Amino acid sequence: MTERAAGSPLRPGGRTRLSPEREQELYAAVLELLRERGYDALTMDAVAARTRSSKATLYRQWKTKLQLVISALLHGKRVSLEGIDTGSLAGDLDEMIRRVSAEAQENVELLQGLLHAGQRDPGLLRAVRETLLEPETEVLRRVLRRAAGRGELDPDNPATEFLTHAFIGAMLTRPLVEGRHADAAFLTRFADALILPALRTGRPLASPAPALADADGGNRDGSGPGAGR
């Protein structure tokens, strides 16, 4: 894990004077506003109005908007991949898909907005990566290590490096390509067709590139129209 981001949820000045219930109410409002308006348009004024708080109270607890947003993301996570261990690689992936797809649409919309804003705010992008992605990526690594220990995959299989990229890519791009969110049925088909075969074999999925033709029309392997000349 990298050094704690600028958006650290830790607040200076000791323990919060807000009750846990009030804190959760504030976090819920922040996440609602993020989905409605996006990160750039989210303001402390908007949070104060939505929660009937004062801006002074918010700034006493969270010195910046980024700190408040990251705290809300941490405390508002309702899906975790922790504790998954079904005894097989396919079973673990199925359980991951079941958990993630339960709130896929909401979470993807939120992540898309944060990633978009993060292109202009490196601190936000780093905080999102550390808060939302790295913990789940570590769970995936543990799943793969257990599968390798059971002999289900080669620990040196290069496909293991891209598992997180593949799943996040599938979830972010299906709304763009098909106009639908990545539900459990879609992610299961995706895993069965691409992820599991790649993990189990380690062979590239793409076909070999065609042989390059020489200037006389023959291929470099000696075949083709110019062969034998």
C-alpha atoms as a PDB file:
ATOM      1  CA  MET A   1       0.000   0.000   0.000  1.00  0.00           C
ATOM      2  CA  THR A   2       1.299   3.448  -0.845  1.00  0.00           C
ATOM      3  CA  GLU A   3       1.606   6.285   1.613  1.00  0.00           C
ATOM      4  CA  ARG A   4      -1.775   7.535   2.768  1.00  0.00           C
ATOM      5  CA  ALA A   5      -3.308   9.825   0.178  1.00  0.00           C
ATOM      6  CA  ALA A   6      -4.092  13.480   0.652  1.00  0.00           C
ATOM      7  CA  GLY A   7      -7.723  12.423   0.898  1.00  0.00           C
ATOM      8  CA  SER A   8      -7.108  10.442   4.071  1.00  0.00           C
ATOM      9  CA  PRO A   9     -10.309   9.841   6.039  1.00  0.00           C
ATOM     10  CA  LEU A  10      -8.397  10.472   9.262  1.00  0.00           C
ATOM     11  CA  ARG A  11      -9.367  13.821  10.711  1.00  0.00           C
ATOM     12  CA  PRO A  12      -7.014  15.988  12.759  1.00  0.00           C
ATOM     13  CA  GLY A  13      -8.103  17.229  16.120  1.00  0.00           C
ATOM     14  CA  GLY A  14      -9.051  13.967  17.794  1.00  0.00           C
ATOM     15  CA  ARG A  15     -12.307  12.065  17.859  1.00  0.00           C
ATOM     16  CA  THR A  16     -15.330  13.314  16.028  1.00  0.00           C
ATOM     17  CA  ARG A  17     -18.126  14.905  18.035  1.00  0.00           C
ATOM     18  CA  LEU A  18     -20.713  13.616  15.593  1.00  0.00           C
ATOM     19  CA  SER A  19     -22.729  10.570  16.540  1.00  0.00           C
ATOM     20  CA  PRO A  20     -22.227   7.458  14.373  1.00  0.00           C
ATOM     21  CA  GLU A  21     -25.790   7.843  13.110  1.00  0.00           C
ATOM     22  CA  ARG A  22     -25.217  11.458  12.120  1.00  0.00           C
ATOM     23  CA  GLU A  23     -21.927  10.577  10.456  1.00  0.00           C
ATOM     24  CA  GLN A  24     -23.592   7.860   8.375  1.00  0.00           C
ATOM     25  CA  GLU A  25     -26.322  10.318   7.378  1.00  0.00           C
ATOM     26  CA  LEU A  26     -23.661  12.713   6.119  1.00  0.00           C
ATOM     27  CA  TYR A  27     -21.823   9.992   4.213  1.00  0.00           C
ATOM     28  CA  ALA A  28     -25.039   8.820   2.570  1.00  0.00           C
ATOM     29  CA  ALA A  29     -25.790  12.376   1.471  1.00  0.00           C
ATOM     30  CA  VAL A  30     -22.304  12.786   0.007  1.00  0.00           C
ATOM     31  CA  LEU A  31     -22.675   9.609  -2.064  1.00  0.00           C
ATOM     32  CA  GLU A  32     -26.115  10.693  -3.265  1.00  0.00           C
ATOM     33  CA  LEU A  33     -24.758  14.053  -4.362  1.00  0.00           C
ATOM     34  CA  LEU A  34     -21.798  12.420  -6.084  1.00  0.00           C
ATOM     35  CA  ARG A  35     -24.169  10.287  -8.161  1.00  0.00           C
ATOM     36  CA  GLU A  36     -26.447  13.221  -8.914  1.00  0.00           C
ATOM     37  CA  ARG A  37     -23.880  15.914  -9.685  1.00  0.00           C
ATOM     38  CA  GLY A  38     -20.421  14.384  -9.960  1.00  0.00           C
ATOM     39  CA  TYR A  39     -17.330  15.223  -7.966  1.00  0.00           C
ATOM     40  CA  ASP A  40     -16.563  18.577  -9.575  1.00  0.00           C
ATOM     41  CA  ALA A  41     -20.041  19.964  -8.861  1.00  0.00           C
ATOM     42  CA  LEU A  42     -20.133  18.611  -5.311  1.00  0.00           C
ATOM     43  CA  THR A  43     -19.647  21.399  -2.778  1.00  0.00           C
ATOM     44  CA  MET A  44     -19.591  21.671   0.985  1.00  0.00           C
ATOM     45  CA  ASP A  45     -22.542  24.060   0.619  1.00  0.00           C
ATOM     46  CA  ALA A  46     -24.544  21.323  -1.123  1.00  0.00           C
ATOM     47  CA  VAL A  47     -23.696  18.765   1.567  1.00  0.00           C
ATOM     48  CA  ALA A  48     -24.597  21.235   4.301  1.00  0.00           C
ATOM     49  CA  ALA A  49     -27.943  22.001   2.657  1.00  0.00           C
ATOM     50  CA  ARG A  50     -28.786  18.345   2.028  1.00  0.00           C
ATOM     51  CA  THR A  51     -27.966  17.337   5.617  1.00  0.00           C
ATOM     52  CA  ARG A  52     -29.083  20.549   7.351  1.00  0.00           C
ATOM     53  CA  SER A  53     -25.609  21.071   8.705  1.00  0.00           C
ATOM     54  CA  SER A  54     -23.374  24.099   8.856  1.00  0.00           C
ATOM     55  CA  LYS A  55     -20.316  24.375   6.661  1.00  0.00           C
ATOM     56  CA  ALA A  56     -18.309  25.140   9.772  1.00  0.00           C
ATOM     57  CA  THR A  57     -19.262  21.752  11.214  1.00  0.00           C
ATOM     58  CA  LEU A  58     -18.222  19.984   8.028  1.00  0.00           C
ATOM     59  CA  TYR A  59     -14.886  21.760   7.842  1.00  0.00           C
ATOM     60  CA  ARG A  60     -14.154  21.004  11.486  1.00  0.00           C
ATOM     61  CA  GLN A  61     -14.550  17.299  10.784  1.00  0.00           C
ATOM     62  CA  TRP A  62     -13.122  17.135   7.253  1.00  0.00           C
ATOM     63  CA  LYS A  63     -10.659  19.805   6.228  1.00  0.00           C
ATOM     64  CA  THR A  64     -11.285  19.380   2.502  1.00  0.00           C
ATOM     65  CA  LYS A  65     -13.928  18.096   0.133  1.00  0.00           C
ATOM     66  CA  LEU A  66     -11.581  15.289  -0.857  1.00  0.00           C
ATOM     67  CA  GLN A  67     -11.275  14.089   2.748  1.00  0.00           C
ATOM     68  CA  LEU A  68     -15.055  14.074   3.119  1.00  0.00           C
ATOM     69  CA  VAL A  69     -15.577  12.183  -0.149  1.00  0.00           C
ATOM     70  CA  ILE A  70     -12.981   9.513   0.660  1.00  0.00           C
ATOM     71  CA  SER A  71     -14.450   9.041   4.142  1.00  0.00           C
ATOM     72  CA  ALA A  72     -17.883   8.619   2.563  1.00  0.00           C
ATOM     73  CA  LEU A  73     -16.547   6.064   0.089  1.00  0.00           C
ATOM     74  CA  LEU A  74     -14.877   4.071   2.852  1.00  0.00           C
ATOM     75  CA  HIS A  75     -17.850   4.058   5.184  1.00  0.00           C
ATOM     76  CA  GLY A  76     -20.398   3.676   2.411  1.00  0.00           C
ATOM     77  CA  LYS A  77     -18.947   0.503   0.906  1.00  0.00           C
ATOM     78  CA  ARG A  78     -21.637  -2.135   1.036  1.00  0.00           C
ATOM     79  CA  VAL A  79     -19.841  -4.706  -1.103  1.00  0.00           C
ATOM     80  CA  SER A  80     -16.631  -6.430  -0.045  1.00  0.00           C
ATOM     81  CA  LEU A  81     -14.784  -9.361  -1.545  1.00  0.00           C
ATOM     82  CA  GLU A  82     -13.205 -10.298   1.785  1.00  0.00           C
ATOM     83  CA  GLY A  83     -13.700 -13.827   3.055  1.00  0.00           C
ATOM     84  CA  ILE A  84     -14.288 -15.502  -0.311  1.00  0.00           C
ATOM     85  CA  ASP A  85     -12.861 -19.040  -0.333  1.00  0.00           C
ATOM     86  CA  THR A  86     -15.102 -21.649  -1.959  1.00  0.00           C
ATOM     87  CA  GLY A  87     -12.322 -24.146  -2.610  1.00  0.00           C
ATOM     88  CA  SER A  88     -12.093 -23.613  -6.368  1.00  0.00           C
ATOM     89  CA  LEU A  89     -11.102 -20.831  -8.730  1.00  0.00           C
ATOM     90  CA  ALA A  90     -14.409 -20.973 -10.616  1.00  0.00           C
ATOM     91  CA  GLY A  91     -16.367 -20.939  -7.364  1.00  0.00           C
ATOM     92  CA  ASP A  92     -14.433 -17.949  -6.032  1.00  0.00           C
ATOM     93  CA  LEU A  93     -15.016 -15.986  -9.235  1.00  0.00           C
ATOM     94  CA  ASP A  94     -18.720 -16.852  -9.162  1.00  0.00           C
ATOM     95  CA  GLU A  95     -19.005 -15.542  -5.599  1.00  0.00           C
ATOM     96  CA  MET A  96     -17.127 -12.371  -6.504  1.00  0.00           C
ATOM     97  CA  ILE A  97     -19.474 -11.806  -9.423  1.00  0.00           C
ATOM     98  CA  ARG A  98     -22.518 -12.397  -7.228  1.00  0.00           C
ATOM     99  CA  ARG A  99     -21.386  -9.789  -4.728  1.00  0.00           C
ATOM    100  CA  VAL A 100     -20.189  -7.174  -7.193  1.00  0.00           C
ATOM    101  CA  SER A 101     -23.196  -7.386  -9.501  1.00  0.00           C
ATOM    102  CA  ALA A 102     -25.660  -6.776  -6.663  1.00  0.00           C
ATOM    103  CA  GLU A 103     -24.898  -3.045  -6.818  1.00  0.00           C
ATOM    104  CA  ALA A 104     -22.992  -2.872 -10.078  1.00  0.00           C
ATOM    105  CA  GLN A 105     -25.033  -0.125 -11.692  1.00  0.00           C
ATOM    106  CA  GLU A 106     -24.771   2.307  -8.769  1.00  0.00           C
ATOM    107  CA  ASN A 107     -21.105   1.592  -8.166  1.00  0.00           C
ATOM    108  CA  VAL A 108     -20.100   1.838 -11.822  1.00  0.00           C
ATOM    109  CA  GLU A 109     -21.858   5.178 -12.242  1.00  0.00           C
ATOM    110  CA  LEU A 110     -20.094   6.488  -9.152  1.00  0.00           C
ATOM    111  CA  LEU A 111     -16.717   5.127 -10.263  1.00  0.00           C
ATOM    112  CA  GLN A 112     -17.095   6.597 -13.751  1.00  0.00           C
ATOM    113  CA  GLY A 113     -17.726  10.027 -12.272  1.00  0.00           C
ATOM    114  CA  LEU A 114     -14.770   9.800  -9.914  1.00  0.00           C
ATOM    115  CA  LEU A 115     -12.410   8.567 -12.636  1.00  0.00           C
ATOM    116  CA  HIS A 116     -13.503  11.389 -14.923  1.00  0.00           C
ATOM    117  CA  ALA A 117     -12.841  13.987 -12.231  1.00  0.00           C
ATOM    118  CA  GLY A 118      -9.622  12.218 -11.291  1.00  0.00           C
ATOM    119  CA  GLN A 119      -8.113  12.993 -14.694  1.00  0.00           C
ATOM    120  CA  ARG A 120      -7.842  16.595 -13.489  1.00  0.00           C
ATOM    121  CA  ASP A 121      -7.177  15.810  -9.833  1.00  0.00           C
ATOM    122  CA  PRO A 122      -4.314  13.367  -9.194  1.00  0.00           C
ATOM    123  CA  GLY A 123      -5.055  13.349  -5.460  1.00  0.00           C
ATOM    124  CA  LEU A 124      -8.595  12.150  -6.079  1.00  0.00           C
ATOM    125  CA  LEU A 125      -7.433   9.484  -8.533  1.00  0.00           C
ATOM    126  CA  ARG A 126      -4.827   8.204  -6.083  1.00  0.00           C
ATOM    127  CA  ALA A 127      -7.363   8.150  -3.254  1.00  0.00           C
ATOM    128  CA  VAL A 128      -9.911   6.241  -5.341  1.00  0.00           C
ATOM    129  CA  ARG A 129      -7.281   3.698  -6.286  1.00  0.00           C
ATOM    130  CA  GLU A 130      -6.160   3.208  -2.681  1.00  0.00           C
ATOM    131  CA  THR A 131      -9.663   3.211  -1.200  1.00  0.00           C
ATOM    132  CA  LEU A 132     -11.743   1.290  -3.727  1.00  0.00           C
ATOM    133  CA  LEU A 133      -9.442  -0.702  -5.981  1.00  0.00           C
ATOM    134  CA  GLU A 134      -6.368  -1.825  -4.078  1.00  0.00           C
ATOM    135  CA  PRO A 135      -8.195  -3.690  -1.273  1.00  0.00           C
ATOM    136  CA  GLU A 136     -10.238  -5.715  -3.766  1.00  0.00           C
ATOM    137  CA  THR A 137      -7.209  -6.298  -5.988  1.00  0.00           C
ATOM    138  CA  GLU A 138      -5.410  -7.831  -3.031  1.00  0.00           C
ATOM    139  CA  VAL A 139      -8.359 -10.190  -2.489  1.00  0.00           C
ATOM    140  CA  LEU A 140      -8.074 -11.251  -6.142  1.00  0.00           C
ATOM    141  CA  ARG A 141      -4.369 -11.915  -5.674  1.00  0.00           C
ATOM    142  CA  ARG A 142      -5.110 -14.182  -2.715  1.00  0.00           C
ATOM    143  CA  VAL A 143      -7.703 -16.065  -4.758  1.00  0.00           C
ATOM    144  CA  LEU A 144      -5.147 -16.625  -7.519  1.00  0.00           C
ATOM    145  CA  ARG A 145      -2.456 -17.726  -5.072  1.00  0.00           C
ATOM    146  CA  ARG A 146      -4.802 -20.313  -3.560  1.00  0.00           C
ATOM    147  CA  ALA A 147      -5.762 -21.537  -7.028  1.00  0.00           C
ATOM    148  CA  ALA A 148      -2.091 -21.898  -7.931  1.00  0.00           C
ATOM    149  CA  GLY A 149      -1.511 -23.830  -4.715  1.00  0.00           C
ATOM    150  CA  ARG A 150      -4.298 -26.245  -5.691  1.00  0.00           C
ATOM    151  CA  GLY A 151      -2.748 -26.711  -9.125  1.00  0.00           C
ATOM    152  CA  GLU A 152      -5.601 -24.954 -10.945  1.00  0.00           C
ATOM    153  CA  LEU A 153      -3.312 -22.481 -12.681  1.00  0.00           C
ATOM    154  CA  ASP A 154       0.333 -21.786 -13.344  1.00  0.00           C
ATOM    155  CA  PRO A 155       1.554 -19.141 -10.857  1.00  0.00           C
ATOM    156  CA  ASP A 156       3.640 -17.622 -13.662  1.00  0.00           C
ATOM    157  CA  ASN A 157       0.667 -17.343 -16.016  1.00  0.00           C
ATOM    158  CA  PRO A 158       0.895 -13.794 -17.440  1.00  0.00           C
ATOM    159  CA  ALA A 159      -2.905 -13.519 -17.565  1.00  0.00           C
ATOM    160  CA  THR A 160      -3.066 -13.182 -13.757  1.00  0.00           C
ATOM    161  CA  GLU A 161      -1.669  -9.666 -14.001  1.00  0.00           C
ATOM    162  CA  PHE A 162      -4.708  -8.459 -15.937  1.00  0.00           C
ATOM    163  CA  LEU A 163      -7.601  -9.934 -13.951  1.00  0.00           C
ATOM    164  CA  THR A 164      -8.530  -6.670 -12.236  1.00  0.00           C
ATOM    165  CA  HIS A 165      -8.211  -4.749 -15.496  1.00  0.00           C
ATOM    166  CA  ALA A 166     -10.464  -7.226 -17.271  1.00  0.00           C
ATOM    167  CA  PHE A 167     -13.298  -7.175 -14.754  1.00  0.00           C
ATOM    168  CA  ILE A 168     -13.275  -3.413 -14.281  1.00  0.00           C
ATOM    169  CA  GLY A 169     -13.111  -2.952 -18.034  1.00  0.00           C
ATOM    170  CA  ALA A 170     -16.110  -5.218 -18.570  1.00  0.00           C
ATOM    171  CA  MET A 171     -18.141  -3.364 -15.958  1.00  0.00           C
ATOM    172  CA  LEU A 172     -17.279   0.093 -17.276  1.00  0.00           C
ATOM    173  CA  THR A 173     -17.673  -0.639 -20.982  1.00  0.00           C
ATOM    174  CA  ARG A 174     -20.884  -2.678 -21.171  1.00  0.00           C
ATOM    175  CA  PRO A 175     -23.057   0.407 -20.579  1.00  0.00           C
ATOM    176  CA  LEU A 176     -21.165   2.138 -23.396  1.00  0.00           C
ATOM    177  CA  VAL A 177     -21.255  -0.762 -25.858  1.00  0.00           C
ATOM    178  CA  GLU A 178     -24.700  -2.224 -25.115  1.00  0.00           C
ATOM    179  CA  GLY A 179     -26.520   0.393 -23.061  1.00  0.00           C
ATOM    180  CA  ARG A 180     -26.924  -2.045 -20.148  1.00  0.00           C
ATOM    181  CA  HIS A 181     -25.110  -2.474 -16.885  1.00  0.00           C
ATOM    182  CA  ALA A 182     -22.906  -5.494 -16.252  1.00  0.00           C
ATOM    183  CA  ASP A 183     -25.224  -7.827 -14.351  1.00  0.00           C
ATOM    184  CA  ALA A 184     -24.357 -11.232 -12.901  1.00  0.00           C
ATOM    185  CA  ALA A 185     -25.364 -13.123 -16.042  1.00  0.00           C
ATOM    186  CA  PHE A 186     -23.131 -10.974 -18.240  1.00  0.00           C
ATOM    187  CA  LEU A 187     -20.136 -11.145 -15.908  1.00  0.00           C
ATOM    188  CA  THR A 188     -20.523 -14.920 -15.578  1.00  0.00           C
ATOM    189  CA  ARG A 189     -20.468 -15.329 -19.363  1.00  0.00           C
ATOM    190  CA  PHE A 190     -17.487 -13.005 -19.534  1.00  0.00           C
ATOM    191  CA  ALA A 191     -15.596 -15.032 -16.925  1.00  0.00           C
ATOM    192  CA  ASP A 192     -16.447 -18.378 -18.533  1.00  0.00           C
ATOM    193  CA  ALA A 193     -15.534 -17.256 -22.040  1.00  0.00           C
ATOM    194  CA  LEU A 194     -12.413 -15.184 -21.386  1.00  0.00           C
ATOM    195  CA  ILE A 195     -11.153 -15.112 -17.825  1.00  0.00           C
ATOM    196  CA  LEU A 196     -11.131 -18.794 -16.881  1.00  0.00           C
ATOM    197  CA  PRO A 197      -9.680 -20.060 -20.190  1.00  0.00           C
ATOM    198  CA  ALA A 198      -6.905 -17.481 -20.018  1.00  0.00           C
ATOM    199  CA  LEU A 199      -6.096 -18.264 -16.399  1.00  0.00           C
ATOM    200  CA  ARG A 200      -6.121 -22.013 -16.915  1.00  0.00           C
ATOM    201  CA  THR A 201      -4.009 -22.160 -20.029  1.00  0.00           C
ATOM    202  CA  GLY A 202      -1.827 -19.088 -20.086  1.00  0.00           C
ATOM    203  CA  ARG A 203      -1.905 -19.187 -23.866  1.00  0.00           C
ATOM    204  CA  PRO A 204      -2.683 -15.963 -25.715  1.00  0.00           C
ATOM    205  CA  LEU A 205      -6.276 -15.715 -26.870  1.00  0.00           C
ATOM    206  CA  ALA A 206      -5.448 -13.957 -30.132  1.00  0.00           C
ATOM    207  CA  SER A 207      -4.638 -15.905 -33.292  1.00  0.00           C
ATOM    208  CA  PRO A 208      -1.022 -15.742 -34.506  1.00  0.00           C
ATOM    209  CA  ALA A 209      -0.309 -12.807 -36.775  1.00  0.00           C
ATOM    210  CA  PRO A 210      -0.234 -13.712 -40.490  1.00  0.00           C
ATOM    211  CA  ALA A 211       3.178 -14.144 -42.074  1.00  0.00           C
ATOM    212  CA  LEU A 212       4.553 -11.003 -43.671  1.00  0.00           C
ATOM    213  CA  ALA A 213       4.737 -11.061 -47.460  1.00  0.00           C
ATOM    214  CA  ASP A 214       7.961 -10.435 -49.365  1.00  0.00           C
ATOM    215  CA  ALA A 215       8.008  -7.963 -52.190  1.00  0.00           C
ATOM    216  CA  ASP A 216       7.455 -10.759 -54.767  1.00  0.00           C
ATOM    217  CA  GLY A 217       4.222 -11.848 -53.088  1.00  0.00           C
ATOM    218  CA  GLY A 218       5.692 -14.843 -51.286  1.00  0.00           C
ATOM    219  CA  ASN A 219       5.491 -15.260 -47.526  1.00  0.00           C
ATOM    220  CA  ARG A 220       8.602 -15.404 -45.360  1.00  0.00           C
ATOM    221  CA  ASP A 221       7.835 -18.999 -44.418  1.00  0.00           C
ATOM    222  CA  GLY A 222       8.228 -19.998 -48.082  1.00  0.00           C
ATOM    223  CA  SER A 223       4.524 -20.291 -48.890  1.00  0.00           C
ATOM    224  CA  GLY A 224       2.309 -18.111 -51.042  1.00  0.00           C
ATOM    225  CA  PRO A 225       2.164 -17.009 -54.644  1.00  0.00           C
ATOM    226  CA  GLY A 226       5.846 -16.176 -54.930  1.00  0.00           C
ATOM    227  CA  ALA A 227       7.140 -19.397 -53.398  1.00  0.00           C
ATOM    228  CA  GLY A 228       9.661 -21.418 -55.384  1.00  0.00           C
ATOM    229  CA  ARG A 229      10.705 -18.611 -57.663  1.00  0.00           C
END
